[in-house]
Amino acid sequence: MHKSVLPKEVIEYLRPLPGENFIDCTLGQGGHSFSILDLTGPSGLVLGIDWDKDSLQRFCAQHPDLKGQRLVIANGNFSQIKAIAEKSGLSPINGILMDIGLSSWHFEESGRGFGFTKNEELDMRYDTDVKESAKDLLNRLDQKEIENILREFGEERFAGSIARRIVADRRKKPFQTTLDLVETIKKSVPTRYHNHRPHFATRTFQALRIAVNHELDNLKTALPEAFEILAPGGRLVVISFHSLEDRIVKNRFRELKASANAIILTKKPITPGEEELTVNPRSRSAKLRAIMKPETKSND
């Protein structure tokens, strides 16, 4: 069962009030959106965006009563948040949430190979209209390109040996499933890491997922667009799940503070407390940062 990450902290930093409008950039199963809706009634709206059509259809099937209510649903990538918001007609926008982690549904039910505990097709696309899947990349890219992906997006210390083994193994048989990749990684890392935590395949799977979905580029595009469309006094809250994402958020917030007099609300990232970690261990790597648009424009 999916549990929303940092639910109390999201509300604390968004501060939703009755009649205000918000955007949830990753609707998922709606946990954060429902909490915001509860506090913005009777007239406040939430625009819920999801890039994954299957996840969105599942959500709509589970909540048919929401059609035409205060939750407006849109299929798209949050890197296009400005265009999606304009099309929806939502205005003013008092707050935006970006929870950029995977949902439990992606790991447990999507069948797209996001995790390494099940033997599934090595896909990893959020949007199946994206041209290349994970197996396509593994079977096409040269050794140096694969190594760069593993090193840059996964910070994988054994990127070189894993990339070499991937190229060698695909000559015998093209990659098709998650188990194919896990076995190759296992042969590429020292034996002492086979029972190591985190799992020896974690960083490679992360790197491939980021590469397939262009996740870091999308985040870099989305952050300034989201800040731009906020109403004065509006708040942007971002939950990231690994150091590469958090670094981008931190640096972009600093730039917005310098260029637009934005107010950074979190001097350090907010992380889950012991109580949340007990009931939702998957939240352990979450980091929340928040920023506020100035109430009035600067005279500079």
Protein backbone atom coordinates (compact mmCIF):
# COMPACT_ATOMS: atom_id res chain seq x y z
CA MET A 1 0.00 0.00 0.00
CA HIS A 2 1.33 3.41 -0.99
CA LYS A 3 1.91 5.96 1.76
CA SER A 4 2.49 9.63 1.02
CA VAL A 5 5.92 10.85 2.06
CA LEU A 6 6.31 13.65 4.63
CA PRO A 7 2.54 14.36 4.67
CA LYS A 8 2.58 16.65 7.73
CA GLU A 9 5.59 18.58 6.48
CA VAL A 10 4.06 19.10 3.04
CA ILE A 11 1.03 20.76 4.63
CA GLU A 12 3.22 22.76 7.03
CA TYR A 13 5.21 24.32 4.20
CA LEU A 14 2.42 24.69 1.61
CA ARG A 15 0.03 26.19 4.19
CA PRO A 16 -3.14 25.62 2.14
CA LEU A 17 -6.11 27.82 3.08
CA PRO A 18 -9.79 27.70 2.10
CA GLY A 19 -10.37 28.84 -1.47
CA GLU A 20 -6.73 28.57 -2.57
CA ASN A 21 -5.51 26.66 -5.64
CA PHE A 22 -2.63 24.18 -5.79
CA ILE A 23 -0.81 21.94 -8.24
CA ASP A 24 0.33 18.42 -7.37
CA CYS A 25 2.91 17.66 -10.07
CA THR A 26 2.95 13.91 -9.40
CA LEU A 27 -0.59 12.87 -8.54
CA GLY A 28 0.18 9.16 -8.09
CA GLN A 29 -2.46 7.73 -5.79
CA GLY A 30 -3.58 11.16 -4.61
CA GLY A 31 -2.49 11.15 -0.98
CA HIS A 32 -1.04 14.65 -0.94
CA SER A 33 -3.79 16.03 -3.19
CA PHE A 34 -6.55 14.76 -0.91
CA SER A 35 -4.89 16.39 2.11
CA ILE A 36 -4.68 19.70 0.27
CA LEU A 37 -8.30 19.43 -0.90
CA ASP A 38 -9.45 18.89 2.68
CA LEU A 39 -7.93 22.23 3.68
CA THR A 40 -8.91 24.32 0.65
CA GLY A 41 -12.65 23.68 0.61
CA PRO A 42 -15.23 24.59 -0.29
CA SER A 43 -13.94 26.32 -3.44
CA GLY A 44 -10.20 25.68 -3.70
CA LEU A 45 -8.93 23.54 -6.58
CA VAL A 46 -6.07 21.11 -7.04
CA LEU A 47 -4.59 20.37 -10.46
CA GLY A 48 -3.19 16.84 -10.31
CA ILE A 49 -0.62 16.03 -12.99
CA ASP A 50 0.67 12.54 -13.79
CA TRP A 51 2.97 11.54 -16.65
CA ASP A 52 1.99 7.87 -16.45
CA LYS A 53 -1.27 7.23 -18.33
CA ASP A 54 -1.79 3.82 -16.71
CA SER A 55 -1.36 5.21 -13.22
CA LEU A 56 -3.75 8.05 -14.04
CA GLN A 57 -6.38 5.70 -15.45
CA ARG A 58 -6.09 3.54 -12.34
CA PHE A 59 -6.57 6.57 -10.12
CA CYS A 60 -9.66 7.70 -12.07
CA ALA A 61 -11.16 4.20 -11.93
CA GLN A 62 -10.68 4.10 -8.16
CA HIS A 63 -12.18 7.57 -7.65
CA PRO A 64 -14.99 7.97 -10.21
CA ASP A 65 -16.82 10.34 -7.87
CA LEU A 66 -14.11 12.98 -8.31
CA LYS A 67 -15.07 13.72 -11.91
CA GLY A 68 -16.12 17.35 -12.18
CA GLN A 69 -15.22 18.05 -8.54
CA ARG A 70 -12.41 20.19 -7.12
CA LEU A 71 -9.63 17.91 -8.41
CA VAL A 72 -8.66 18.72 -11.99
CA ILE A 73 -6.64 15.92 -13.62
CA ALA A 74 -4.09 16.27 -16.42
CA ASN A 75 -1.78 13.81 -18.16
CA GLY A 76 1.65 15.27 -18.83
CA ASN A 77 5.20 15.81 -17.65
CA PHE A 78 5.80 18.43 -15.00
CA SER A 79 8.56 19.89 -17.18
CA GLN A 80 5.60 21.39 -19.09
CA ILE A 81 3.90 22.69 -15.96
CA LYS A 82 3.37 26.21 -17.29
CA ALA A 83 1.53 25.01 -20.42
CA ILE A 84 -0.49 22.45 -18.44
CA ALA A 85 -1.52 25.06 -15.88
CA GLU A 86 -2.50 27.54 -18.59
CA LYS A 87 -4.59 24.93 -20.38
CA SER A 88 -6.37 24.05 -17.13
CA GLY A 89 -7.27 27.67 -16.48
CA LEU A 90 -6.18 27.36 -12.85
CA SER A 91 -5.52 30.83 -11.39
CA PRO A 92 -4.17 32.11 -9.10
CA ILE A 93 -1.77 29.33 -8.13
CA ASN A 94 -1.01 29.53 -4.42
CA GLY A 95 1.25 26.51 -4.11
CA ILE A 96 2.93 23.71 -6.02
CA LEU A 97 4.12 20.32 -4.80
CA MET A 98 6.70 18.20 -6.61
CA ASP A 99 7.09 14.77 -5.04
CA ILE A 100 9.54 13.31 -7.52
CA GLY A 101 9.87 9.80 -6.17
CA LEU A 102 8.39 6.60 -7.57
CA SER A 103 5.12 5.36 -6.15
CA SER A 104 4.75 1.88 -4.71
CA TRP A 105 2.54 1.10 -7.71
CA HIS A 106 5.48 1.50 -10.08
CA PHE A 107 7.57 -0.97 -8.13
CA GLU A 108 4.87 -3.47 -7.25
CA GLU A 109 2.25 -3.43 -10.00
CA SER A 110 3.35 -1.61 -13.15
CA GLY A 111 5.31 -4.59 -14.52
CA ARG A 112 7.84 -2.23 -16.13
CA GLY A 113 10.97 -3.35 -14.35
CA PHE A 114 11.53 -0.40 -12.03
CA GLY A 115 12.71 -2.75 -9.28
CA PHE A 116 15.05 -5.70 -9.22
CA THR A 117 13.13 -8.07 -6.95
CA LYS A 118 10.80 -9.32 -9.71
CA ASN A 119 11.69 -10.64 -13.14
CA GLU A 120 9.95 -8.19 -15.46
CA GLU A 121 10.53 -6.62 -18.85
CA LEU A 122 13.37 -4.11 -18.62
CA ASP A 123 11.31 -1.06 -19.55
CA MET A 124 11.45 1.66 -16.84
CA ARG A 125 9.44 4.23 -18.83
CA TYR A 126 6.86 6.31 -16.98
CA ASP A 127 5.33 7.21 -20.34
CA THR A 128 5.35 4.27 -22.74
CA ASP A 129 5.33 6.74 -25.64
CA VAL A 130 8.94 7.60 -24.78
CA LYS A 131 11.05 6.25 -27.62
CA GLU A 132 13.60 4.05 -25.85
CA SER A 133 13.18 1.73 -22.88
CA ALA A 134 15.94 0.63 -20.52
CA LYS A 135 16.64 -2.52 -22.54
CA ASP A 136 16.84 -0.43 -25.72
CA LEU A 137 19.52 1.75 -24.17
CA LEU A 138 21.48 -1.21 -22.80
CA ASN A 139 21.43 -2.98 -26.17
CA ARG A 140 22.33 0.11 -28.22
CA LEU A 141 24.77 2.34 -26.35
CA ASP A 142 28.50 1.75 -26.45
CA GLN A 143 30.49 0.86 -23.37
CA LYS A 144 31.63 4.41 -22.59
CA GLU A 145 28.09 5.80 -22.88
CA ILE A 146 26.77 3.15 -20.50
CA GLU A 147 29.60 3.79 -18.07
CA ASN A 148 28.88 7.54 -18.13
CA ILE A 149 25.20 6.93 -17.34
CA LEU A 150 26.03 4.66 -14.40
CA ARG A 151 28.65 7.04 -13.07
CA GLU A 152 26.73 10.31 -13.58
CA PHE A 153 23.18 9.24 -12.71
CA GLY A 154 23.89 6.40 -10.29
CA GLU A 155 27.20 7.48 -8.77
CA GLU A 156 28.10 3.82 -9.20
CA ARG A 157 31.68 3.08 -8.10
CA PHE A 158 31.85 -0.03 -10.32
CA ALA A 159 30.48 1.72 -13.42
CA GLY A 160 33.41 0.68 -15.59
CA SER A 161 33.28 -3.02 -14.82
CA ILE A 162 29.48 -3.14 -15.06
CA ALA A 163 29.51 -1.39 -18.44
CA ARG A 164 32.16 -3.80 -19.77
CA ARG A 165 30.16 -6.81 -18.64
CA ILE A 166 26.92 -5.41 -20.12
CA VAL A 167 28.55 -5.07 -23.54
CA ALA A 168 30.09 -8.54 -23.29
CA ASP A 169 26.86 -10.22 -22.15
CA ARG A 170 24.64 -8.58 -24.76
CA ARG A 171 26.78 -10.10 -27.52
CA LYS A 172 25.60 -13.49 -26.33
CA LYS A 173 22.01 -12.46 -25.69
CA PRO A 174 20.30 -9.03 -25.84
CA PHE A 175 18.98 -7.75 -22.55
CA GLN A 176 15.25 -8.33 -22.07
CA THR A 177 14.42 -8.60 -18.37
CA THR A 178 15.39 -7.21 -14.99
CA LEU A 179 16.88 -10.57 -14.03
CA ASP A 180 19.20 -10.41 -17.06
CA LEU A 181 20.57 -7.13 -15.78
CA VAL A 182 20.79 -8.17 -12.12
CA GLU A 183 22.85 -11.25 -13.07
CA THR A 184 25.21 -9.11 -15.13
CA ILE A 185 25.68 -6.61 -12.32
CA LYS A 186 26.28 -9.42 -9.84
CA LYS A 187 29.12 -10.76 -11.98
CA SER A 188 30.61 -7.25 -12.24
CA VAL A 189 30.96 -6.29 -8.58
CA PRO A 190 33.18 -7.86 -5.90
CA THR A 191 31.65 -10.83 -4.09
CA ARG A 192 31.65 -8.96 -0.78
CA TYR A 193 28.96 -6.66 -2.19
CA HIS A 194 26.53 -9.47 -3.06
CA ASN A 195 24.87 -9.28 0.37
CA HIS A 196 25.59 -5.60 0.86
CA ARG A 197 22.96 -2.95 1.64
CA PRO A 198 21.79 -1.13 -0.33
CA HIS A 199 21.41 -3.90 -2.92
CA PHE A 200 24.27 -4.08 -5.44
CA ALA A 201 21.87 -3.34 -8.31
CA THR A 202 20.30 -0.23 -6.75
CA ARG A 203 22.51 2.41 -8.33
CA THR A 204 22.48 0.86 -11.79
CA PHE A 205 18.69 0.65 -11.81
CA GLN A 206 18.44 4.24 -10.59
CA ALA A 207 20.82 5.45 -13.27
CA LEU A 208 18.97 3.69 -16.09
CA ARG A 209 15.60 4.98 -14.90
CA ILE A 210 16.91 8.54 -14.82
CA ALA A 211 18.42 8.19 -18.28
CA VAL A 212 15.31 6.62 -19.84
CA ASN A 213 12.98 9.30 -18.48
CA HIS A 214 15.38 12.28 -18.67
CA GLU A 215 14.48 12.93 -15.05
CA LEU A 216 17.16 15.45 -14.14
CA ASP A 217 16.61 17.53 -17.28
CA ASN A 218 12.87 17.55 -16.59
CA LEU A 219 13.47 18.73 -13.02
CA LYS A 220 15.80 21.51 -14.17
CA THR A 221 13.12 22.73 -16.58
CA ALA A 222 10.21 22.36 -14.17
CA LEU A 223 11.61 24.29 -11.20
CA PRO A 224 11.86 27.77 -12.78
CA GLU A 225 8.56 27.30 -14.63
CA ALA A 226 6.81 26.33 -11.41
CA PHE A 227 8.20 29.33 -9.57
CA GLU A 228 7.21 31.63 -12.43
CA ILE A 229 3.53 30.67 -12.38
CA LEU A 230 3.13 31.00 -8.61
CA ALA A 231 1.05 33.89 -7.35
CA PRO A 232 2.85 36.41 -5.08
CA GLY A 233 3.32 34.72 -1.72
CA GLY A 234 2.91 31.29 -3.34
CA ARG A 235 5.02 28.36 -2.18
CA LEU A 236 6.90 25.63 -4.03
CA VAL A 237 7.63 22.43 -2.11
CA VAL A 238 9.90 19.76 -3.60
CA ILE A 239 10.54 16.26 -2.25
CA SER A 240 13.57 14.55 -3.77
CA PHE A 241 14.94 11.07 -3.15
CA HIS A 242 18.62 11.10 -4.04
CA SER A 243 21.55 13.50 -3.91
CA LEU A 244 21.49 14.37 -7.62
CA GLU A 245 17.91 15.67 -7.42
CA ASP A 246 18.44 17.41 -4.10
CA ARG A 247 21.53 19.21 -5.44
CA ILE A 248 19.56 20.54 -8.39
CA VAL A 249 16.76 21.78 -6.13
CA LYS A 250 19.17 23.40 -3.68
CA ASN A 251 21.09 25.20 -6.41
CA ARG A 252 17.98 26.34 -8.27
CA PHE A 253 16.48 27.71 -5.05
CA ARG A 254 19.68 29.68 -4.41
CA GLU A 255 19.49 31.10 -7.92
CA LEU A 256 15.85 32.12 -7.42
CA LYS A 257 16.74 33.81 -4.15
CA ALA A 258 19.43 35.83 -5.90
CA SER A 259 17.48 36.67 -9.07
CA ALA A 260 13.89 36.96 -7.83
CA ASN A 261 14.20 37.70 -4.10
CA ALA A 262 12.64 34.33 -3.35
CA ILE A 263 12.48 33.32 0.29
CA ILE A 264 13.98 29.92 1.05
CA LEU A 265 11.87 28.39 3.82
CA THR A 266 14.12 25.42 4.58
CA LYS A 267 17.71 26.24 5.53
CA LYS A 268 18.41 22.52 5.46
CA PRO A 269 16.35 19.76 3.81
CA ILE A 270 13.55 18.33 5.95
CA THR A 271 13.75 14.56 6.39
CA PRO A 272 11.31 11.99 7.84
CA GLY A 273 11.20 11.47 11.58
CA GLU A 274 11.44 8.15 13.38
CA GLU A 275 7.65 7.79 13.54
CA GLU A 276 7.28 8.04 9.75
CA LEU A 277 10.26 5.79 9.11
CA THR A 278 8.65 3.11 11.25
CA VAL A 279 5.44 3.02 9.23
CA ASN A 280 6.98 3.92 5.85
CA PRO A 281 10.61 2.75 5.52
CA ARG A 282 10.66 3.76 1.83
CA SER A 283 10.60 7.39 2.93
CA ARG A 284 14.09 7.13 4.43
CA SER A 285 15.87 8.95 1.58
CA ALA A 286 13.28 11.71 1.16
CA LYS A 287 14.38 15.35 1.44
CA LEU A 288 11.96 18.26 1.38
CA ARG A 289 12.90 21.82 0.41
CA ALA A 290 10.53 24.77 0.18
CA ILE A 291 10.67 28.26 -1.28
CA MET A 292 8.23 31.19 -1.36
CA LYS A 293 7.64 33.82 -4.02
CA PRO A 294 7.85 37.37 -2.62
CA GLU A 295 4.53 38.99 -1.75
CA THR A 296 5.37 41.94 -4.00
CA LYS A 297 7.84 42.50 -6.81
CA SER A 298 11.20 43.97 -6.00
CA ASN A 299 11.82 47.62 -6.91
CA ASP A 300 15.34 46.81 -8.10
